[in-house]
């Protein structure tokens, strides 16, 4: 089953909050299983998820600080 645009947007927002916790993501998407959420993450066009992934990275850098050398 294809993902609706609403599900894609919800996934992006949920990914920002939950990262790769696909079980938590699927709990907010009633028609999706954790396996479907994981497959979506690994198969979906990374460019379309890019904004969410970039926002997630910025969030963690702000929250955890830049721990790089």
N, C-alpha and C. Protein backbone atom coordinates (compact mmCIF):
# COMPACT_ATOMS: atom_id res chain seq x y z
N UNK A 1 0.85 -1.18 0.00
CA UNK A 1 0.00 0.00 0.00
C UNK A 1 0.89 1.24 0.00
N UNK A 2 0.60 2.15 -0.90
CA UNK A 2 1.37 3.40 -0.98
C UNK A 2 1.08 4.28 0.23
N UNK A 3 2.05 5.13 0.52
CA UNK A 3 1.90 6.08 1.63
C UNK A 3 1.24 7.35 1.11
N UNK A 4 0.23 7.82 1.81
CA UNK A 4 -0.43 9.07 1.43
C UNK A 4 0.49 10.24 1.78
N UNK A 5 0.22 11.39 1.20
CA UNK A 5 1.03 12.57 1.52
C UNK A 5 0.91 12.93 2.99
N UNK A 6 -0.26 12.68 3.58
CA UNK A 6 -0.45 12.95 5.01
C UNK A 6 0.43 12.04 5.86
N UNK A 7 0.51 10.76 5.45
CA UNK A 7 1.35 9.82 6.19
C UNK A 7 2.83 10.19 6.07
N UNK A 8 3.23 10.63 4.89
CA UNK A 8 4.63 11.03 4.68
C UNK A 8 4.97 12.21 5.58
N UNK A 9 4.10 13.21 5.61
CA UNK A 9 4.35 14.38 6.47
C UNK A 9 4.37 13.98 7.95
N UNK A 10 3.44 13.11 8.33
CA UNK A 10 3.41 12.65 9.72
C UNK A 10 4.69 11.89 10.05
N UNK A 11 5.15 11.04 9.12
CA UNK A 11 6.39 10.30 9.34
C UNK A 11 7.55 11.26 9.57
N UNK A 12 7.65 12.29 8.75
CA UNK A 12 8.74 13.27 8.90
C UNK A 12 8.74 13.89 10.29
N UNK A 13 7.58 14.32 10.73
CA UNK A 13 7.48 14.94 12.05
C UNK A 13 7.77 13.93 13.16
N UNK A 14 7.26 12.73 13.01
CA UNK A 14 7.50 11.70 14.02
C UNK A 14 8.97 11.30 14.06
N UNK A 15 9.62 11.30 12.90
CA UNK A 15 11.04 10.96 12.85
C UNK A 15 11.87 11.98 13.63
N UNK A 16 11.47 13.23 13.56
CA UNK A 16 12.18 14.28 14.30
C UNK A 16 12.12 13.97 15.80
N UNK A 17 10.97 13.51 16.27
CA UNK A 17 10.78 13.22 17.68
C UNK A 17 11.38 11.88 18.09
N UNK A 18 11.17 10.85 17.27
CA UNK A 18 11.49 9.49 17.67
C UNK A 18 12.72 8.89 17.00
N UNK A 19 13.29 9.58 16.02
CA UNK A 19 14.44 9.01 15.32
C UNK A 19 14.05 7.68 14.68
N UNK A 20 14.91 6.67 14.80
CA UNK A 20 14.66 5.38 14.17
C UNK A 20 13.87 4.42 15.06
N UNK A 21 13.12 4.94 16.01
CA UNK A 21 12.25 4.11 16.83
C UNK A 21 10.96 3.88 16.04
N UNK A 22 11.01 2.92 15.13
CA UNK A 22 9.91 2.70 14.20
C UNK A 22 8.66 2.18 14.91
N UNK A 23 8.82 1.55 16.04
CA UNK A 23 7.66 1.10 16.82
C UNK A 23 6.89 2.32 17.32
N UNK A 24 7.61 3.32 17.84
CA UNK A 24 6.95 4.54 18.33
C UNK A 24 6.31 5.30 17.17
N UNK A 25 6.99 5.35 16.04
CA UNK A 25 6.43 6.04 14.86
C UNK A 25 5.13 5.35 14.44
N UNK A 26 5.15 4.02 14.36
CA UNK A 26 3.97 3.28 13.91
C UNK A 26 2.79 3.43 14.87
N UNK A 27 3.06 3.65 16.13
CA UNK A 27 1.97 3.84 17.09
C UNK A 27 1.14 5.07 16.75
N UNK A 28 1.72 6.03 16.05
CA UNK A 28 1.01 7.25 15.66
C UNK A 28 0.44 7.16 14.26
N UNK A 29 0.74 6.08 13.55
CA UNK A 29 0.22 5.86 12.20
C UNK A 29 -0.59 4.56 12.23
N UNK A 30 -1.88 4.65 12.53
CA UNK A 30 -2.69 3.47 12.80
C UNK A 30 -2.72 2.43 11.68
N UNK A 31 -2.51 2.83 10.45
CA UNK A 31 -2.56 1.89 9.34
C UNK A 31 -1.20 1.27 9.04
N UNK A 32 -0.17 1.62 9.82
CA UNK A 32 1.20 1.17 9.55
C UNK A 32 1.79 0.36 10.69
N UNK A 33 2.59 -0.62 10.33
CA UNK A 33 3.30 -1.43 11.32
C UNK A 33 4.72 -0.87 11.48
N UNK A 34 5.41 -1.27 12.55
CA UNK A 34 6.81 -0.85 12.69
C UNK A 34 7.66 -1.29 11.49
N UNK A 35 7.40 -2.47 10.97
CA UNK A 35 8.15 -2.96 9.80
C UNK A 35 7.91 -2.07 8.59
N UNK A 36 6.66 -1.64 8.39
CA UNK A 36 6.36 -0.74 7.27
C UNK A 36 7.05 0.60 7.44
N UNK A 37 7.07 1.11 8.67
CA UNK A 37 7.75 2.38 8.92
C UNK A 37 9.24 2.26 8.63
N UNK A 38 9.84 1.14 9.03
CA UNK A 38 11.26 0.93 8.79
C UNK A 38 11.54 0.80 7.29
N UNK A 39 10.72 0.03 6.60
CA UNK A 39 10.91 -0.13 5.15
C UNK A 39 10.73 1.21 4.44
N UNK A 40 9.76 2.00 4.88
CA UNK A 40 9.54 3.32 4.30
C UNK A 40 10.80 4.17 4.46
N UNK A 41 11.37 4.18 5.66
CA UNK A 41 12.57 4.97 5.93
C UNK A 41 13.71 4.59 4.99
N UNK A 42 13.94 3.30 4.82
CA UNK A 42 15.08 2.84 4.03
C UNK A 42 14.83 2.86 2.53
N UNK A 43 13.58 2.90 2.09
CA UNK A 43 13.27 2.89 0.66
C UNK A 43 12.84 4.23 0.10
N UNK A 44 12.39 5.13 0.95
CA UNK A 44 11.86 6.40 0.48
C UNK A 44 12.97 7.29 -0.04
N UNK A 45 12.66 8.12 -0.99
CA UNK A 45 13.64 9.04 -1.57
C UNK A 45 14.25 9.91 -0.48
N UNK A 46 15.56 9.76 -0.22
CA UNK A 46 16.19 10.53 0.86
C UNK A 46 16.06 12.04 0.69
N UNK A 47 15.98 12.51 -0.54
CA UNK A 47 15.82 13.94 -0.77
C UNK A 47 14.52 14.47 -0.21
N UNK A 48 13.47 13.65 -0.26
CA UNK A 48 12.17 14.08 0.26
C UNK A 48 12.14 14.04 1.78
N UNK A 49 12.97 13.19 2.36
CA UNK A 49 13.06 13.16 3.82
C UNK A 49 14.13 14.11 4.33
N UNK A 50 14.89 14.68 3.43
CA UNK A 50 16.03 15.51 3.80
C UNK A 50 15.72 16.61 4.78
N UNK A 51 14.62 17.31 4.60
CA UNK A 51 14.27 18.41 5.50
C UNK A 51 14.07 17.89 6.91
N UNK A 52 13.36 16.79 7.05
CA UNK A 52 13.13 16.23 8.38
C UNK A 52 14.43 15.74 8.99
N UNK A 53 15.27 15.09 8.18
CA UNK A 53 16.53 14.59 8.71
C UNK A 53 17.44 15.73 9.12
N UNK A 54 17.46 16.79 8.34
CA UNK A 54 18.29 17.94 8.68
C UNK A 54 17.79 18.59 9.96
N UNK A 55 16.47 18.74 10.10
CA UNK A 55 15.90 19.33 11.32
C UNK A 55 16.22 18.46 12.53
N UNK A 56 16.17 17.15 12.35
CA UNK A 56 16.48 16.23 13.43
C UNK A 56 17.94 16.38 13.85
N UNK A 57 18.84 16.47 12.89
CA UNK A 57 20.26 16.64 13.20
C UNK A 57 20.51 17.93 13.96
N UNK A 58 19.88 19.01 13.52
CA UNK A 58 20.04 20.30 14.20
C UNK A 58 19.50 20.20 15.63
N UNK A 59 18.37 19.54 15.79
CA UNK A 59 17.78 19.37 17.13
C UNK A 59 18.76 18.67 18.06
N UNK A 60 19.35 17.55 17.60
CA UNK A 60 20.26 16.82 18.47
C UNK A 60 21.55 17.57 18.73
N UNK A 61 22.03 18.33 17.77
CA UNK A 61 23.24 19.12 18.01
C UNK A 61 22.96 20.19 19.07
N UNK A 62 21.79 20.82 18.98
CA UNK A 62 21.42 21.85 19.96
C UNK A 62 21.24 21.23 21.34
N UNK A 63 20.55 20.08 21.39
CA UNK A 63 20.26 19.45 22.67
C UNK A 63 21.50 18.81 23.32
N UNK A 64 22.34 18.20 22.49
CA UNK A 64 23.49 17.47 23.04
C UNK A 64 24.80 18.24 22.93
N UNK A 65 24.80 19.28 22.13
CA UNK A 65 26.03 20.01 21.92
C UNK A 65 26.90 19.29 20.91
N UNK A 66 27.80 19.99 20.31
CA UNK A 66 28.70 19.40 19.32
C UNK A 66 29.81 18.70 20.08
N UNK A 67 29.75 17.39 20.11
CA UNK A 67 30.73 16.61 20.87
C UNK A 67 31.88 16.15 19.99
N UNK A 68 31.96 16.69 18.81
CA UNK A 68 33.05 16.33 17.91
C UNK A 68 34.36 16.93 18.39
N UNK A 69 35.48 16.38 17.88
CA UNK A 69 36.82 16.77 18.30
C UNK A 69 37.08 18.18 18.07
